[in-house]
């Protein structure tokens, strides 16, 4: 099997979800950090790989894949595993439904919260927009309430089913991003229990080590 190379950045939840999947599925790969603050994602060399100038980008031999969802499904077919249970269609249906729900609903809300509370004030020195943050936080609370009512039916440690799947990888990656904003998960007992557990999973720890180091170095204590 040709060498797989993942181009990403520790602060990108889109990149981390792919790295988390790679570790969880036991796929060997080489990770390359794209220095976004230095503009490496807009360099001619990188744009030749990914014309959108974003992360992640996946190289597998002569094959180039970008957009995180496309990367994940490509990897699932190249290296079948229980993380994306192709052979169990009823479970796969649950996994895909949960994955799409997470990516289409709270994912963007979390990005907005982190951008408003962390990225813009810390990295761009802009004033905190309290009104926008409050509205996004209220929206996320509603989305979390919906998730608690409809997921975690089989295990407190898994969004669906009883084993680590793409749905868990999506939620874990999203919650790691949310942790930058120090959002209080206490009112959401199922999501908090999931979050407390996923941080102990070896593939999560491997895929988030660089993220944790960057956060510790640059974010306010």
N, C-alpha and C. Protein backbone atom coordinates (compact mmCIF):
# COMPACT_ATOMS: atom_id res chain seq x y z
N UNK A 1 0.85 -1.19 0.00
CA UNK A 1 0.00 0.00 0.00
C UNK A 1 0.89 1.25 0.00
N UNK A 2 0.58 2.21 -0.86
CA UNK A 2 1.36 3.42 -0.97
C UNK A 2 1.29 4.23 0.32
N UNK A 3 2.32 5.02 0.56
CA UNK A 3 2.37 5.88 1.74
C UNK A 3 1.23 6.89 1.72
N UNK A 4 0.55 7.03 2.83
CA UNK A 4 -0.49 8.04 2.99
C UNK A 4 0.12 9.24 3.71
N UNK A 5 -0.11 10.42 3.16
CA UNK A 5 0.38 11.65 3.78
C UNK A 5 -0.82 12.54 4.07
N UNK A 6 -0.89 13.03 5.30
CA UNK A 6 -1.96 13.95 5.70
C UNK A 6 -1.37 15.33 5.95
N UNK A 7 -1.84 16.30 5.19
CA UNK A 7 -1.46 17.70 5.39
C UNK A 7 -2.55 18.35 6.24
N UNK A 8 -2.18 18.85 7.41
CA UNK A 8 -3.17 19.44 8.29
C UNK A 8 -2.56 20.50 9.18
N UNK A 9 -3.32 20.92 10.16
CA UNK A 9 -2.86 21.89 11.15
C UNK A 9 -3.53 21.55 12.47
N UNK A 10 -2.80 21.59 13.58
CA UNK A 10 -3.37 21.16 14.86
C UNK A 10 -4.65 21.87 15.27
N UNK A 11 -4.81 23.14 14.91
CA UNK A 11 -6.00 23.89 15.33
C UNK A 11 -7.20 23.68 14.41
N UNK A 12 -7.03 22.93 13.37
CA UNK A 12 -8.14 22.67 12.43
C UNK A 12 -8.90 21.42 12.85
N UNK A 13 -10.17 21.59 13.22
CA UNK A 13 -10.96 20.40 13.56
C UNK A 13 -11.22 19.55 12.32
N UNK A 14 -11.19 20.15 11.15
CA UNK A 14 -11.35 19.38 9.91
C UNK A 14 -10.14 18.47 9.69
N UNK A 15 -8.96 18.95 10.03
CA UNK A 15 -7.77 18.13 9.93
C UNK A 15 -7.71 17.06 11.02
N UNK A 16 -8.10 17.44 12.25
CA UNK A 16 -8.00 16.50 13.36
C UNK A 16 -8.97 15.33 13.21
N UNK A 17 -10.14 15.57 12.63
CA UNK A 17 -11.07 14.46 12.47
C UNK A 17 -10.49 13.39 11.56
N UNK A 18 -9.75 13.81 10.52
CA UNK A 18 -9.12 12.84 9.63
C UNK A 18 -7.96 12.14 10.32
N UNK A 19 -7.17 12.89 11.07
CA UNK A 19 -6.06 12.25 11.80
C UNK A 19 -6.59 11.27 12.85
N UNK A 20 -7.64 11.65 13.55
CA UNK A 20 -8.27 10.77 14.54
C UNK A 20 -8.71 9.48 13.86
N UNK A 21 -9.35 9.59 12.70
CA UNK A 21 -9.80 8.41 11.96
C UNK A 21 -8.63 7.52 11.59
N UNK A 22 -7.56 8.12 11.10
CA UNK A 22 -6.38 7.34 10.71
C UNK A 22 -5.85 6.52 11.89
N UNK A 23 -5.71 7.16 13.04
CA UNK A 23 -5.22 6.44 14.22
C UNK A 23 -6.21 5.37 14.66
N UNK A 24 -7.50 5.70 14.68
CA UNK A 24 -8.52 4.76 15.15
C UNK A 24 -8.62 3.53 14.25
N UNK A 25 -8.44 3.73 12.96
CA UNK A 25 -8.53 2.62 12.00
C UNK A 25 -7.21 1.87 11.85
N UNK A 26 -6.16 2.34 12.53
CA UNK A 26 -4.87 1.67 12.46
C UNK A 26 -4.18 1.83 11.12
N UNK A 27 -4.34 2.98 10.49
CA UNK A 27 -3.76 3.24 9.18
C UNK A 27 -2.44 4.01 9.35
N UNK A 28 -1.37 3.47 8.84
CA UNK A 28 -0.07 4.15 8.90
C UNK A 28 -0.08 5.36 7.97
N UNK A 29 0.50 6.45 8.45
CA UNK A 29 0.53 7.67 7.63
C UNK A 29 1.65 8.58 8.09
N UNK A 30 1.98 9.53 7.24
CA UNK A 30 2.92 10.59 7.58
C UNK A 30 2.14 11.90 7.72
N UNK A 31 2.31 12.59 8.83
CA UNK A 31 1.63 13.86 9.03
C UNK A 31 2.54 15.03 8.69
N UNK A 32 2.01 15.99 7.94
CA UNK A 32 2.76 17.20 7.61
C UNK A 32 1.94 18.41 8.03
N UNK A 33 2.54 19.29 8.85
CA UNK A 33 1.85 20.47 9.33
C UNK A 33 1.90 21.59 8.31
N UNK A 34 0.73 22.13 8.00
CA UNK A 34 0.64 23.28 7.10
C UNK A 34 0.63 24.53 7.98
N UNK A 35 1.64 25.37 7.83
CA UNK A 35 1.78 26.57 8.67
C UNK A 35 0.83 27.65 8.17
N UNK A 36 -0.40 27.62 8.66
CA UNK A 36 -1.42 28.55 8.17
C UNK A 36 -1.10 29.99 8.53
N UNK A 37 -0.66 30.30 9.76
CA UNK A 37 -0.32 31.70 10.06
C UNK A 37 0.75 32.28 9.13
N UNK A 38 1.64 31.42 8.64
CA UNK A 38 2.70 31.88 7.73
C UNK A 38 2.24 31.90 6.27
N UNK A 39 0.99 31.46 6.03
CA UNK A 39 0.45 31.49 4.68
C UNK A 39 0.80 30.30 3.82
N UNK A 40 1.28 29.22 4.44
CA UNK A 40 1.69 28.05 3.66
C UNK A 40 0.53 27.42 2.89
N UNK A 41 -0.69 27.60 3.39
CA UNK A 41 -1.85 27.02 2.71
C UNK A 41 -2.18 27.75 1.41
N UNK A 42 -1.58 28.93 1.20
CA UNK A 42 -1.80 29.68 -0.03
C UNK A 42 -0.57 29.67 -0.94
N UNK A 43 0.41 28.87 -0.60
CA UNK A 43 1.62 28.80 -1.42
C UNK A 43 1.31 28.05 -2.72
N UNK A 44 2.04 28.34 -3.78
CA UNK A 44 1.82 27.62 -5.05
C UNK A 44 1.94 26.11 -4.90
N UNK A 45 2.88 25.68 -4.06
CA UNK A 45 3.10 24.25 -3.88
C UNK A 45 1.88 23.58 -3.25
N UNK A 46 1.31 24.25 -2.22
CA UNK A 46 0.15 23.65 -1.56
C UNK A 46 -1.10 23.76 -2.42
N UNK A 47 -1.27 24.89 -3.09
CA UNK A 47 -2.44 25.07 -3.96
C UNK A 47 -2.44 24.08 -5.12
N UNK A 48 -1.28 23.57 -5.49
CA UNK A 48 -1.21 22.54 -6.52
C UNK A 48 -1.83 21.24 -6.03
N UNK A 49 -1.79 21.04 -4.70
CA UNK A 49 -2.42 19.86 -4.10
C UNK A 49 -3.90 20.12 -3.81
N UNK A 50 -4.17 21.29 -3.25
CA UNK A 50 -5.53 21.62 -2.82
C UNK A 50 -5.85 23.04 -3.28
N UNK A 51 -6.56 23.18 -4.39
CA UNK A 51 -6.83 24.51 -4.95
C UNK A 51 -7.65 25.41 -4.04
N UNK A 52 -8.35 24.83 -3.05
CA UNK A 52 -9.13 25.66 -2.13
C UNK A 52 -8.27 26.31 -1.07
N UNK A 53 -7.01 25.85 -0.95
CA UNK A 53 -6.11 26.45 0.03
C UNK A 53 -6.54 26.24 1.46
N UNK A 54 -7.08 25.05 1.75
CA UNK A 54 -7.53 24.73 3.09
C UNK A 54 -6.92 23.41 3.53
N UNK A 55 -7.13 23.07 4.80
CA UNK A 55 -6.72 21.76 5.29
C UNK A 55 -7.97 21.01 5.74
N UNK A 56 -7.92 19.67 5.64
CA UNK A 56 -6.78 18.82 5.32
C UNK A 56 -6.69 18.51 3.82
N UNK A 57 -5.54 17.96 3.46
CA UNK A 57 -5.34 17.35 2.15
C UNK A 57 -4.70 15.99 2.38
N UNK A 58 -5.20 15.00 1.69
CA UNK A 58 -4.72 13.62 1.82
C UNK A 58 -4.04 13.22 0.52
N UNK A 59 -2.81 12.72 0.63
CA UNK A 59 -2.10 12.15 -0.51
C UNK A 59 -1.94 10.65 -0.31
N UNK A 60 -2.31 9.89 -1.33
CA UNK A 60 -2.15 8.44 -1.27
C UNK A 60 -1.59 8.01 -2.62
N UNK A 61 -0.27 7.91 -2.68
CA UNK A 61 0.35 7.67 -3.97
C UNK A 61 0.08 8.85 -4.88
N UNK A 62 -0.49 8.59 -6.05
CA UNK A 62 -0.81 9.65 -7.00
C UNK A 62 -2.21 10.24 -6.78
N UNK A 63 -2.93 9.71 -5.80
CA UNK A 63 -4.30 10.17 -5.53
C UNK A 63 -4.28 11.31 -4.52
N UNK A 64 -4.99 12.38 -4.81
CA UNK A 64 -5.11 13.52 -3.91
C UNK A 64 -6.58 13.68 -3.54
N UNK A 65 -6.85 13.79 -2.25
CA UNK A 65 -8.21 13.97 -1.77
C UNK A 65 -8.22 15.15 -0.81
N UNK A 66 -9.18 16.05 -0.95
CA UNK A 66 -9.37 17.11 0.04
C UNK A 66 -10.86 17.25 0.31
N UNK A 67 -11.20 18.06 1.31
CA UNK A 67 -12.50 18.11 1.98
C UNK A 67 -12.52 16.92 2.95
N UNK A 68 -12.70 17.23 4.23
CA UNK A 68 -12.51 16.20 5.26
C UNK A 68 -13.47 15.02 5.10
N UNK A 69 -14.72 15.28 4.73
CA UNK A 69 -15.66 14.16 4.56
C UNK A 69 -15.22 13.23 3.45
N UNK A 70 -14.72 13.78 2.36
CA UNK A 70 -14.22 12.96 1.25
C UNK A 70 -13.00 12.15 1.69
N UNK A 71 -12.12 12.78 2.47
CA UNK A 71 -10.94 12.06 2.99
C UNK A 71 -11.36 10.87 3.84
N UNK A 72 -12.33 11.08 4.71
CA UNK A 72 -12.77 10.02 5.62
C UNK A 72 -13.36 8.84 4.86
N UNK A 73 -14.21 9.13 3.90
CA UNK A 73 -14.85 8.03 3.17
C UNK A 73 -13.86 7.33 2.23
N UNK A 74 -12.92 8.07 1.71
CA UNK A 74 -11.86 7.44 0.90
C UNK A 74 -11.08 6.46 1.77
N UNK A 75 -10.67 6.92 2.94
CA UNK A 75 -9.90 6.05 3.84
C UNK A 75 -10.70 4.83 4.27
N UNK A 76 -12.00 5.02 4.47
CA UNK A 76 -12.86 3.91 4.89
C UNK A 76 -12.90 2.80 3.84
N UNK A 77 -12.81 3.18 2.57
CA UNK A 77 -12.82 2.18 1.51
C UNK A 77 -11.44 1.60 1.24
N UNK A 78 -10.41 2.41 1.41
CA UNK A 78 -9.05 1.93 1.21
C UNK A 78 -8.64 0.95 2.31
N UNK A 79 -9.11 1.23 3.52
CA UNK A 79 -8.70 0.42 4.68
C UNK A 79 -9.95 0.12 5.52
N UNK A 80 -10.73 -0.88 5.14
CA UNK A 80 -11.96 -1.21 5.89
C UNK A 80 -11.65 -1.52 7.35
N UNK A 81 -12.51 -1.01 8.24
CA UNK A 81 -12.35 -1.27 9.67
C UNK A 81 -13.70 -1.09 10.35
N UNK A 82 -13.76 -1.45 11.62
CA UNK A 82 -15.00 -1.30 12.38
C UNK A 82 -15.35 0.16 12.65
N UNK A 83 -14.39 1.06 12.45
CA UNK A 83 -14.65 2.48 12.66
C UNK A 83 -15.71 3.00 11.67
N UNK A 84 -15.70 2.40 10.48
CA UNK A 84 -16.71 2.70 9.45
C UNK A 84 -17.24 1.35 8.98
N UNK A 85 -18.29 0.84 9.65
CA UNK A 85 -18.68 -0.57 9.50
C UNK A 85 -19.44 -0.87 8.20
N UNK A 86 -18.69 -0.91 7.09
CA UNK A 86 -19.29 -1.15 5.78
C UNK A 86 -20.05 -2.47 5.75
N UNK A 87 -19.56 -3.49 6.48
CA UNK A 87 -20.18 -4.80 6.45
C UNK A 87 -21.41 -4.95 7.31
N UNK A 88 -21.75 -3.94 8.08
CA UNK A 88 -22.92 -3.98 8.96
C UNK A 88 -23.83 -2.81 8.60
N UNK A 89 -24.71 -3.03 7.63
CA UNK A 89 -25.49 -1.92 7.09
C UNK A 89 -26.42 -1.26 8.12
N UNK A 90 -27.08 -2.00 9.00
CA UNK A 90 -27.90 -1.32 10.01
C UNK A 90 -27.08 -0.38 10.90
N UNK A 91 -25.89 -0.84 11.33
CA UNK A 91 -25.03 0.02 12.14
C UNK A 91 -24.48 1.17 11.31
N UNK A 92 -24.09 0.88 10.07
CA UNK A 92 -23.57 1.94 9.21
C UNK A 92 -24.60 3.04 9.01
N UNK A 93 -25.86 2.67 8.90
CA UNK A 93 -26.93 3.67 8.75
C UNK A 93 -26.99 4.58 9.96
N UNK A 94 -26.85 4.00 11.15
CA UNK A 94 -26.85 4.81 12.37
C UNK A 94 -25.62 5.71 12.43
N UNK A 95 -24.48 5.15 12.07
CA UNK A 95 -23.23 5.92 12.11
C UNK A 95 -23.30 7.09 11.14
N UNK A 96 -23.74 6.83 9.92
CA UNK A 96 -23.82 7.89 8.91
C UNK A 96 -24.82 8.97 9.32
N UNK A 97 -25.96 8.56 9.86
CA UNK A 97 -26.97 9.53 10.29
C UNK A 97 -26.41 10.43 11.39
N UNK A 98 -25.76 9.83 12.37
CA UNK A 98 -25.19 10.61 13.47
C UNK A 98 -24.07 11.50 12.98
N UNK A 99 -23.20 10.95 12.12
CA UNK A 99 -22.09 11.74 11.58
C UNK A 99 -22.60 12.97 10.83
N UNK A 100 -23.56 12.76 9.95
CA UNK A 100 -24.09 13.88 9.17
C UNK A 100 -24.79 14.90 10.06
N UNK A 101 -25.48 14.42 11.09
CA UNK A 101 -26.14 15.35 12.01
C UNK A 101 -25.11 16.24 12.71
N UNK A 102 -24.05 15.62 13.19
CA UNK A 102 -23.01 16.38 13.89
C UNK A 102 -22.36 17.39 12.96
N UNK A 103 -22.04 16.97 11.75
CA UNK A 103 -21.34 17.85 10.81
C UNK A 103 -22.23 18.97 10.27
N UNK A 104 -23.55 18.72 10.19
CA UNK A 104 -24.45 19.72 9.61
C UNK A 104 -25.10 20.62 10.65
N UNK A 105 -25.10 20.22 11.91
CA UNK A 105 -25.78 21.01 12.95
C UNK A 105 -24.77 21.66 13.90
N UNK A 106 -24.36 20.97 14.99
CA UNK A 106 -23.52 21.66 15.98
C UNK A 106 -22.11 22.00 15.52
N UNK A 107 -21.59 21.31 14.51
CA UNK A 107 -20.21 21.56 14.05
C UNK A 107 -19.98 23.02 13.71
N UNK A 108 -20.87 23.59 12.90
CA UNK A 108 -20.71 24.99 12.50
C UNK A 108 -20.95 25.95 13.66
N UNK A 109 -21.86 25.57 14.56
CA UNK A 109 -22.11 26.41 15.73
C UNK A 109 -20.87 26.48 16.61
N UNK A 110 -20.23 25.34 16.80
CA UNK A 110 -18.99 25.30 17.58
C UNK A 110 -17.92 26.15 16.91
N UNK A 111 -17.80 26.06 15.60
CA UNK A 111 -16.82 26.89 14.90
C UNK A 111 -17.09 28.37 15.14
N UNK A 112 -18.37 28.74 15.15
CA UNK A 112 -18.73 30.13 15.41
C UNK A 112 -18.38 30.57 16.81
N UNK A 113 -18.63 29.71 17.79
CA UNK A 113 -18.32 30.04 19.19
C UNK A 113 -16.82 30.21 19.38
N UNK A 114 -16.04 29.27 18.85
CA UNK A 114 -14.58 29.34 19.01
C UNK A 114 -14.03 30.55 18.25
N UNK A 115 -14.56 30.80 17.07
CA UNK A 115 -14.11 31.96 16.31
C UNK A 115 -14.39 33.26 17.04
N UNK A 116 -15.60 33.35 17.63
CA UNK A 116 -16.02 34.58 18.31
C UNK A 116 -15.29 34.79 19.64
N UNK A 117 -15.15 33.71 20.41
CA UNK A 117 -14.58 33.84 21.76
C UNK A 117 -13.06 33.71 21.81
N UNK A 118 -12.49 32.97 20.85
CA UNK A 118 -11.06 32.66 20.93
C UNK A 118 -10.27 33.21 19.74
N UNK A 119 -10.62 32.79 18.55
CA UNK A 119 -9.79 33.12 17.39
C UNK A 119 -9.70 34.63 17.16
N UNK A 120 -10.84 35.29 17.09
CA UNK A 120 -10.82 36.72 16.79
C UNK A 120 -10.19 37.54 17.92
N UNK A 121 -10.55 37.31 19.19
CA UNK A 121 -9.90 38.10 20.26
C UNK A 121 -8.42 37.77 20.48
N UNK A 122 -8.07 36.47 20.43
CA UNK A 122 -6.71 36.07 20.77
C UNK A 122 -5.74 36.29 19.62
N UNK A 123 -6.14 35.88 18.42
CA UNK A 123 -5.21 35.92 17.29
C UNK A 123 -5.32 37.19 16.46
N UNK A 124 -6.49 37.82 16.48
CA UNK A 124 -6.67 39.03 15.67
C UNK A 124 -6.95 40.28 16.51
N UNK A 125 -6.90 40.12 17.83
CA UNK A 125 -7.01 41.23 18.78
C UNK A 125 -8.30 42.04 18.60
N UNK A 126 -9.37 41.37 18.21
CA UNK A 126 -10.65 42.05 18.07
C UNK A 126 -11.45 41.94 19.37
N UNK A 127 -12.32 42.90 19.60
CA UNK A 127 -13.14 42.89 20.81
C UNK A 127 -14.13 41.73 20.77
N UNK A 128 -14.38 41.16 21.92
CA UNK A 128 -15.33 40.04 22.03
C UNK A 128 -16.74 40.54 21.77
N UNK A 129 -17.43 39.87 20.86
CA UNK A 129 -18.82 40.19 20.54
C UNK A 129 -19.71 39.37 21.46
N UNK A 130 -20.06 39.94 22.61
CA UNK A 130 -20.82 39.23 23.64
C UNK A 130 -22.20 38.79 23.13
N UNK A 131 -22.85 39.67 22.37
CA UNK A 131 -24.19 39.36 21.88
C UNK A 131 -24.17 38.16 20.92
N UNK A 132 -23.20 38.15 20.02
CA UNK A 132 -23.07 37.03 19.09
C UNK A 132 -22.74 35.75 19.82
N UNK A 133 -21.83 35.82 20.80
CA UNK A 133 -21.45 34.64 21.57
C UNK A 133 -22.65 34.07 22.33
N UNK A 134 -23.46 34.94 22.93
CA UNK A 134 -24.63 34.49 23.68
C UNK A 134 -25.62 33.78 22.76
N UNK A 135 -25.83 34.32 21.56
CA UNK A 135 -26.77 33.72 20.62
C UNK A 135 -26.28 32.34 20.15
N UNK A 136 -24.97 32.24 19.86
CA UNK A 136 -24.41 30.97 19.43
C UNK A 136 -24.44 29.94 20.56
N UNK A 137 -24.17 30.37 21.78
CA UNK A 137 -24.19 29.46 22.92
C UNK A 137 -25.59 28.92 23.17
N UNK A 138 -26.59 29.77 23.02
CA UNK A 138 -27.98 29.33 23.16
C UNK A 138 -28.35 28.33 22.08
N UNK A 139 -27.90 28.59 20.87
CA UNK A 139 -28.16 27.68 19.75
C UNK A 139 -27.52 26.33 20.00
N UNK A 140 -26.27 26.32 20.47
CA UNK A 140 -25.58 25.07 20.73
C UNK A 140 -26.26 24.28 21.85
N UNK A 141 -26.73 24.98 22.87
CA UNK A 141 -27.45 24.30 23.96
C UNK A 141 -28.66 23.56 23.42
N UNK A 142 -29.40 24.18 22.52
CA UNK A 142 -30.56 23.53 21.92
C UNK A 142 -30.14 22.32 21.09
N UNK A 143 -29.06 22.45 20.35
CA UNK A 143 -28.56 21.33 19.55
C UNK A 143 -28.09 20.18 20.43
N UNK A 144 -27.43 20.50 21.53
CA UNK A 144 -26.98 19.46 22.45
C UNK A 144 -28.16 18.75 23.11
N UNK A 145 -29.19 19.50 23.45
CA UNK A 145 -30.39 18.89 24.03
C UNK A 145 -31.01 17.89 23.06
N UNK A 146 -31.03 18.25 21.79
CA UNK A 146 -31.55 17.34 20.77
C UNK A 146 -30.69 16.08 20.69
N UNK A 147 -29.38 16.24 20.70
CA UNK A 147 -28.49 15.08 20.64
C UNK A 147 -28.68 14.17 21.85
N UNK A 148 -28.83 14.75 23.01
CA UNK A 148 -29.00 13.93 24.21
C UNK A 148 -30.31 13.13 24.17
N UNK A 149 -31.31 13.68 23.49
CA UNK A 149 -32.61 13.00 23.40
C UNK A 149 -32.60 11.87 22.37
N UNK A 150 -31.72 11.97 21.37
CA UNK A 150 -31.81 11.04 20.25
C UNK A 150 -30.59 10.14 20.04
N UNK A 151 -29.50 10.41 20.71
CA UNK A 151 -28.31 9.57 20.57
C UNK A 151 -27.92 8.99 21.93
N UNK A 152 -26.80 8.28 21.98
CA UNK A 152 -26.30 7.64 23.21
C UNK A 152 -27.30 6.63 23.75
N UNK A 153 -27.98 5.91 22.86
CA UNK A 153 -29.00 4.95 23.27
C UNK A 153 -28.41 3.63 23.75
N UNK A 154 -27.25 3.26 23.22
CA UNK A 154 -26.67 1.94 23.50
C UNK A 154 -25.49 1.98 24.46
N UNK A 155 -24.87 3.15 24.58
CA UNK A 155 -23.68 3.27 25.44
C UNK A 155 -23.44 4.74 25.75
N UNK A 156 -23.04 5.01 26.97
CA UNK A 156 -22.71 6.40 27.33
C UNK A 156 -21.41 6.85 26.70
N UNK A 157 -20.64 5.90 26.17
CA UNK A 157 -19.35 6.22 25.59
C UNK A 157 -19.39 6.35 24.07
N UNK A 158 -20.54 6.08 23.47
CA UNK A 158 -20.62 6.08 22.01
C UNK A 158 -21.90 6.75 21.55
N UNK A 159 -21.79 7.54 20.50
CA UNK A 159 -22.95 8.25 19.96
C UNK A 159 -24.01 7.26 19.51
N UNK A 160 -23.58 6.24 18.77
CA UNK A 160 -24.44 5.13 18.36
C UNK A 160 -23.65 3.83 18.51
N UNK A 161 -24.34 2.74 18.70
CA UNK A 161 -23.66 1.46 18.83
C UNK A 161 -22.86 1.34 20.11
N UNK A 162 -21.96 0.34 20.12
CA UNK A 162 -21.18 0.05 21.33
C UNK A 162 -19.69 -0.05 21.05
N UNK A 163 -19.25 0.56 19.96
CA UNK A 163 -17.83 0.56 19.63
C UNK A 163 -17.48 1.90 19.00
N UNK A 164 -16.20 2.22 18.98
CA UNK A 164 -15.74 3.48 18.41
C UNK A 164 -16.04 3.52 16.92
N UNK A 165 -16.75 4.55 16.48
CA UNK A 165 -17.07 4.70 15.06
C UNK A 165 -16.81 6.14 14.61
N UNK A 166 -17.04 6.36 13.33
CA UNK A 166 -16.89 7.68 12.76
C UNK A 166 -17.74 8.72 13.48
N UNK A 167 -18.90 8.33 13.98
CA UNK A 167 -19.75 9.27 14.71
C UNK A 167 -19.05 9.77 15.97
N UNK A 168 -18.38 8.88 16.68
CA UNK A 168 -17.63 9.27 17.88
C UNK A 168 -16.44 10.15 17.53
N UNK A 169 -15.79 9.82 16.43
CA UNK A 169 -14.65 10.61 15.98
C UNK A 169 -15.07 12.03 15.65
N UNK A 170 -16.23 12.16 15.01
CA UNK A 170 -16.74 13.49 14.67
C UNK A 170 -17.06 14.29 15.93
N UNK A 171 -17.78 13.67 16.86
CA UNK A 171 -18.16 14.39 18.07
C UNK A 171 -16.94 14.70 18.93
N UNK A 172 -16.01 13.75 19.05
CA UNK A 172 -14.81 14.01 19.84
C UNK A 172 -13.97 15.14 19.28
N UNK A 173 -13.83 15.18 17.96
CA UNK A 173 -13.06 16.25 17.32
C UNK A 173 -13.74 17.60 17.51
N UNK A 174 -15.07 17.60 17.41
CA UNK A 174 -15.82 18.84 17.60
C UNK A 174 -15.72 19.35 19.04
N UNK A 175 -15.83 18.42 20.00
CA UNK A 175 -15.77 18.83 21.40
C UNK A 175 -14.37 19.30 21.78
N UNK A 176 -13.35 18.75 21.15
CA UNK A 176 -12.00 19.24 21.43
C UNK A 176 -11.89 20.69 20.98
N UNK A 177 -12.49 21.02 19.83
CA UNK A 177 -12.49 22.41 19.37
C UNK A 177 -13.24 23.30 20.35
N UNK A 178 -14.37 22.80 20.80
CA UNK A 178 -15.19 23.57 21.74
C UNK A 178 -14.46 23.82 23.06
N UNK A 179 -13.58 22.91 23.43
CA UNK A 179 -12.84 23.07 24.70
C UNK A 179 -11.99 24.33 24.69
N UNK A 180 -11.63 24.82 23.51
CA UNK A 180 -10.86 26.06 23.43
C UNK A 180 -11.65 27.22 24.02
N UNK A 181 -12.97 27.15 23.91
CA UNK A 181 -13.83 28.23 24.41
C UNK A 181 -14.29 28.01 25.84
N UNK A 182 -13.84 26.89 26.43
CA UNK A 182 -14.21 26.57 27.83
C UNK A 182 -15.74 26.57 28.02
N UNK A 183 -16.43 25.98 27.07
CA UNK A 183 -17.89 25.87 27.13
C UNK A 183 -18.26 24.85 28.19
N UNK A 184 -19.21 25.19 29.06
CA UNK A 184 -19.60 24.33 30.17
C UNK A 184 -20.52 23.21 29.70
N UNK A 185 -20.04 21.97 29.79
CA UNK A 185 -20.84 20.82 29.38
C UNK A 185 -21.66 20.21 30.51
N UNK A 186 -21.54 20.76 31.70
CA UNK A 186 -22.21 20.18 32.87
C UNK A 186 -23.71 19.98 32.67
N UNK A 187 -24.45 20.90 32.03
CA UNK A 187 -25.89 20.68 31.86
C UNK A 187 -26.24 19.53 30.91
N UNK A 188 -25.25 19.03 30.20
CA UNK A 188 -25.50 18.00 29.19
C UNK A 188 -24.79 16.72 29.62
N UNK A 189 -25.43 15.96 30.49
CA UNK A 189 -24.76 14.86 31.17
C UNK A 189 -24.26 13.78 30.21
N UNK A 190 -25.01 13.48 29.16
CA UNK A 190 -24.58 12.43 28.23
C UNK A 190 -23.38 12.89 27.40
N UNK A 191 -23.42 14.10 26.94
CA UNK A 191 -22.31 14.62 26.14
C UNK A 191 -21.07 14.78 27.02
N UNK A 192 -21.25 15.21 28.25
CA UNK A 192 -20.11 15.34 29.16
C UNK A 192 -19.49 13.98 29.46
N UNK A 193 -20.33 12.96 29.68
CA UNK A 193 -19.81 11.62 29.93
C UNK A 193 -19.03 11.10 28.72
N UNK A 194 -19.57 11.37 27.55
CA UNK A 194 -18.87 10.99 26.32
C UNK A 194 -17.52 11.70 26.24
N UNK A 195 -17.51 13.01 26.48
CA UNK A 195 -16.30 13.82 26.39
C UNK A 195 -15.25 13.35 27.39
N UNK A 196 -15.67 13.08 28.61
CA UNK A 196 -14.73 12.62 29.63
C UNK A 196 -14.08 11.30 29.20
N UNK A 197 -14.85 10.42 28.55
CA UNK A 197 -14.31 9.12 28.15
C UNK A 197 -13.45 9.22 26.90
N UNK A 198 -13.89 9.97 25.89
CA UNK A 198 -13.17 9.97 24.61
C UNK A 198 -11.75 10.50 24.78
N UNK A 199 -11.53 11.36 25.76
CA UNK A 199 -10.19 11.88 25.99
C UNK A 199 -9.22 10.83 26.51
N UNK A 200 -9.75 9.69 26.97
CA UNK A 200 -8.90 8.60 27.45
C UNK A 200 -8.58 7.59 26.36
N UNK A 201 -9.22 7.72 25.21
CA UNK A 201 -9.03 6.78 24.10
C UNK A 201 -7.69 7.06 23.42
N UNK A 202 -6.92 6.01 23.20
CA UNK A 202 -5.55 6.18 22.71
C UNK A 202 -5.50 6.89 21.36
N UNK A 203 -6.40 6.57 20.45
CA UNK A 203 -6.38 7.21 19.14
C UNK A 203 -6.75 8.69 19.23
N UNK A 204 -7.61 9.04 20.20
CA UNK A 204 -7.90 10.46 20.44
C UNK A 204 -6.63 11.16 20.93
N UNK A 205 -5.96 10.56 21.90
CA UNK A 205 -4.78 11.21 22.49
C UNK A 205 -3.68 11.41 21.45
N UNK A 206 -3.48 10.42 20.58
CA UNK A 206 -2.45 10.55 19.55
C UNK A 206 -2.80 11.66 18.57
N UNK A 207 -4.06 11.74 18.18
CA UNK A 207 -4.46 12.72 17.16
C UNK A 207 -4.60 14.13 17.71
N UNK A 208 -4.62 14.27 19.04
CA UNK A 208 -4.82 15.59 19.63
C UNK A 208 -3.63 16.08 20.45
N UNK A 209 -2.52 15.35 20.41
CA UNK A 209 -1.35 15.76 21.19
C UNK A 209 -0.83 17.12 20.75
N UNK A 210 -0.72 17.33 19.44
CA UNK A 210 -0.22 18.61 18.94
C UNK A 210 -1.21 19.73 19.23
N UNK A 211 -2.49 19.44 19.10
CA UNK A 211 -3.55 20.41 19.42
C UNK A 211 -3.45 20.85 20.87
N UNK A 212 -3.32 19.90 21.77
CA UNK A 212 -3.22 20.23 23.20
C UNK A 212 -1.99 21.09 23.48
N UNK A 213 -0.89 20.78 22.81
CA UNK A 213 0.35 21.54 23.03
C UNK A 213 0.20 22.99 22.54
N UNK A 214 -0.42 23.16 21.38
CA UNK A 214 -0.62 24.51 20.85
C UNK A 214 -1.56 25.30 21.75
N UNK A 215 -2.64 24.67 22.18
CA UNK A 215 -3.59 25.37 23.07
C UNK A 215 -2.92 25.79 24.37
N UNK A 216 -2.12 24.91 24.93
CA UNK A 216 -1.43 25.23 26.18
C UNK A 216 -0.46 26.39 26.00
N UNK A 217 0.11 26.50 24.81
CA UNK A 217 1.11 27.54 24.56
C UNK A 217 0.52 28.90 24.25
N UNK A 218 -0.63 28.92 23.56
CA UNK A 218 -1.11 30.22 23.04
C UNK A 218 -2.40 30.73 23.66
N UNK A 219 -3.18 29.86 24.30
CA UNK A 219 -4.47 30.33 24.82
C UNK A 219 -4.33 30.85 26.24
N UNK A 220 -5.15 31.81 26.61
CA UNK A 220 -5.14 32.33 27.98
C UNK A 220 -5.47 31.22 28.96
N UNK A 221 -4.81 31.23 30.09
CA UNK A 221 -5.07 30.21 31.10
C UNK A 221 -6.40 30.44 31.78
